[in-house]
Amino acid sequence: MKKDTITITVYCADSPSELEAVDAALLQAATQAMQHAYAPYSHFRVGAAALLDNGETVCGNNQENAAYPSGLCAERVALFYAGARFPGVPVRAIAISAGLDGHENAEPVYPCGSCRQVLRECEMRSGKPIRIIMGSAQKVCIVNGIEALLPLSFTG
């Protein structure tokens, strides 16, 4: 049996101020969306902002429900809204911001497994990688494509 090694590249910055203007604006939109999340049970708010190839930005936030797991993550809310509002338009990038009771986390939060699989599906549909910006007030991590967060993914 031979051993294969999977290598991923993650770009990290010590502050959102180090980002290019487009990425910084997208992360700011995600942070604003986070403030309006519906999280009465966990108090953990997440916001996402997706930049589409047509230049539009759509936002989403987590929506909890007492009948867990009937809620939905911010990333999927944004991606599904983008697909409904702008069918067939590829997602160029998505930014994610999170915090407890509206206070931004010190460390970035990464997409859950379900959101990673939905990101993978979006990439497969468009044939293009999605830039994923995961940020906090003190640190930002960026990957160029879901393969970095979901290697050996299911492609159907």
Protein backbone atom coordinates (compact mmCIF):
# COMPACT_ATOMS: atom_id res chain seq x y z
CA MET A 1 0.00 0.00 0.00
CA LYS A 2 1.32 3.45 -0.82
CA LYS A 3 0.83 6.61 1.16
CA ASP A 4 -0.72 9.71 -0.40
CA THR A 5 -0.40 13.12 1.21
CA ILE A 6 -2.97 15.88 0.91
CA THR A 7 -1.61 19.40 1.21
CA ILE A 8 -3.79 22.46 1.62
CA THR A 9 -2.91 26.11 1.44
CA VAL A 10 -4.52 28.55 3.85
CA TYR A 11 -3.73 32.25 3.70
CA CYS A 12 -3.94 34.00 7.08
CA ALA A 13 -3.82 37.64 8.11
CA ASP A 14 -3.57 39.05 11.61
CA SER A 15 -6.28 41.61 10.90
CA PRO A 16 -9.04 42.28 8.38
CA SER A 17 -7.17 45.51 7.57
CA GLU A 18 -4.64 43.38 5.65
CA LEU A 19 -7.29 42.24 3.16
CA GLU A 20 -7.84 43.52 -0.34
CA ALA A 21 -10.74 45.98 -0.50
CA VAL A 22 -13.17 43.48 -2.12
CA ASP A 23 -12.49 40.82 0.53
CA ALA A 24 -12.68 43.37 3.36
CA ALA A 25 -16.05 44.65 2.13
CA LEU A 26 -17.39 41.10 1.83
CA LEU A 27 -16.26 40.25 5.36
CA GLN A 28 -17.86 43.47 6.65
CA ALA A 29 -21.14 42.48 4.97
CA ALA A 30 -20.94 39.06 6.67
CA THR A 31 -20.31 40.73 10.04
CA GLN A 32 -23.35 42.98 9.55
CA ALA A 33 -25.49 39.97 8.57
CA MET A 34 -24.29 38.20 11.74
CA GLN A 35 -25.87 40.93 13.87
CA HIS A 36 -29.33 39.99 12.57
CA ALA A 37 -29.08 36.21 12.99
CA TYR A 38 -31.93 34.43 14.75
CA ALA A 39 -30.12 32.50 17.49
CA PRO A 40 -32.31 32.53 20.63
CA TYR A 41 -31.14 29.08 21.78
CA SER A 42 -27.37 29.01 21.22
CA HIS A 43 -26.80 32.78 21.12
CA PHE A 44 -24.10 31.93 18.54
CA ARG A 45 -24.64 34.20 15.57
CA VAL A 46 -23.14 33.59 12.14
CA GLY A 47 -23.27 35.81 9.07
CA ALA A 48 -22.28 35.04 5.50
CA ALA A 49 -21.95 37.20 2.42
CA ALA A 50 -21.56 35.75 -1.06
CA LEU A 51 -20.09 37.71 -3.96
CA LEU A 52 -21.51 36.58 -7.29
CA ASP A 53 -19.92 36.74 -10.74
CA ASN A 54 -22.44 39.43 -11.72
CA GLY A 55 -21.08 41.71 -8.97
CA GLU A 56 -24.08 41.26 -6.65
CA THR A 57 -23.54 40.45 -2.97
CA VAL A 58 -26.16 38.43 -1.10
CA CYS A 59 -26.14 37.84 2.64
CA GLY A 60 -27.49 35.24 5.00
CA ASN A 61 -27.37 34.43 8.69
CA ASN A 62 -28.09 31.43 10.82
CA GLN A 63 -31.73 30.76 11.61
CA GLU A 64 -32.33 28.53 14.63
CA ASN A 65 -35.52 26.65 15.42
CA ALA A 66 -36.78 25.00 18.60
CA ALA A 67 -37.31 21.85 16.53
CA TYR A 68 -33.58 21.26 16.13
CA PRO A 69 -32.18 20.58 13.48
CA SER A 70 -34.80 22.51 11.49
CA GLY A 71 -32.66 25.66 11.50
CA LEU A 72 -30.14 26.54 8.83
CA CYS A 73 -26.54 27.80 8.78
CA ALA A 74 -25.66 31.27 7.46
CA GLU A 75 -23.59 29.90 4.59
CA ARG A 76 -26.44 27.80 3.23
CA VAL A 77 -28.95 30.63 3.69
CA ALA A 78 -26.71 32.92 1.60
CA LEU A 79 -25.93 30.30 -1.06
CA PHE A 80 -29.53 29.16 -1.44
CA TYR A 81 -30.75 32.77 -1.59
CA ALA A 82 -28.14 33.50 -4.26
CA GLY A 83 -29.35 30.50 -6.27
CA ALA A 84 -32.99 31.54 -5.95
CA ARG A 85 -32.43 35.24 -6.67
CA PHE A 86 -29.77 34.86 -9.38
CA PRO A 87 -30.16 31.38 -10.92
CA GLY A 88 -27.15 30.15 -12.83
CA VAL A 89 -24.84 32.96 -11.63
CA PRO A 90 -21.67 31.47 -10.09
CA VAL A 91 -20.50 32.38 -6.61
CA ARG A 92 -17.07 33.99 -6.75
CA ALA A 93 -16.42 34.27 -2.99
CA ILE A 94 -18.11 33.85 0.37
CA ALA A 95 -17.16 35.47 3.67
CA ILE A 96 -18.13 34.13 7.09
CA SER A 97 -18.17 35.92 10.45
CA ALA A 98 -19.42 34.64 13.80
CA GLY A 99 -19.78 35.57 17.42
CA LEU A 100 -21.56 34.90 20.68
CA ASP A 101 -24.41 37.32 21.42
CA GLY A 102 -23.30 39.54 18.55
CA HIS A 103 -19.71 39.97 19.74
CA GLU A 104 -17.31 38.83 17.04
CA ASN A 105 -15.16 35.77 17.78
CA ALA A 106 -11.43 36.21 18.33
CA GLU A 107 -10.78 33.29 15.96
CA PRO A 108 -12.42 32.62 12.60
CA VAL A 109 -15.20 30.06 12.39
CA TYR A 110 -15.08 27.47 9.63
CA PRO A 111 -18.08 26.06 7.73
CA CYS A 112 -19.70 22.90 9.09
CA GLY A 113 -19.66 19.69 7.05
CA SER A 114 -23.09 20.29 5.50
CA CYS A 115 -22.10 23.79 4.39
CA ARG A 116 -18.84 22.47 2.98
CA GLN A 117 -20.76 19.96 0.88
CA VAL A 118 -23.12 22.68 -0.38
CA LEU A 119 -20.10 24.83 -1.29
CA ARG A 120 -18.72 21.83 -3.17
CA GLU A 121 -21.98 21.48 -5.09
CA CYS A 122 -21.88 25.19 -6.00
CA GLU A 123 -18.35 24.78 -7.31
CA MET A 124 -19.30 21.70 -9.33
CA ARG A 125 -22.28 23.52 -10.85
CA SER A 126 -20.21 26.51 -11.97
CA GLY A 127 -16.94 24.72 -12.67
CA LYS A 128 -15.11 27.42 -10.69
CA PRO A 129 -13.54 27.43 -7.22
CA ILE A 130 -15.11 29.66 -4.56
CA ARG A 131 -12.82 31.86 -2.49
CA ILE A 132 -13.75 31.28 1.18
CA ILE A 133 -12.95 34.08 3.62
CA MET A 134 -13.31 33.13 7.28
CA GLY A 135 -12.78 36.11 9.49
CA SER A 136 -12.90 37.57 12.94
CA ALA A 137 -11.90 40.92 14.39
CA GLN A 138 -8.37 39.60 15.02
CA LYS A 139 -7.65 37.04 12.31
CA VAL A 140 -8.70 36.12 8.79
CA CYS A 141 -8.11 32.84 6.97
CA ILE A 142 -8.72 32.40 3.25
CA VAL A 143 -8.78 29.33 1.03
CA ASN A 144 -9.21 29.30 -2.73
CA GLY A 145 -11.74 26.54 -3.21
CA ILE A 146 -13.59 24.08 -1.03
CA GLU A 147 -11.05 21.32 -1.75
CA ALA A 148 -8.90 22.90 0.98
CA LEU A 149 -11.65 22.40 3.57
CA LEU A 150 -13.23 19.25 2.13
CA PRO A 151 -10.58 17.04 0.53
CA LEU A 152 -11.74 13.75 -0.95
CA SER A 153 -15.26 15.17 -1.14
CA PHE A 154 -18.35 13.39 -2.39
CA THR A 155 -19.17 14.49 -5.94
CA GLY A 156 -22.12 12.28 -6.72
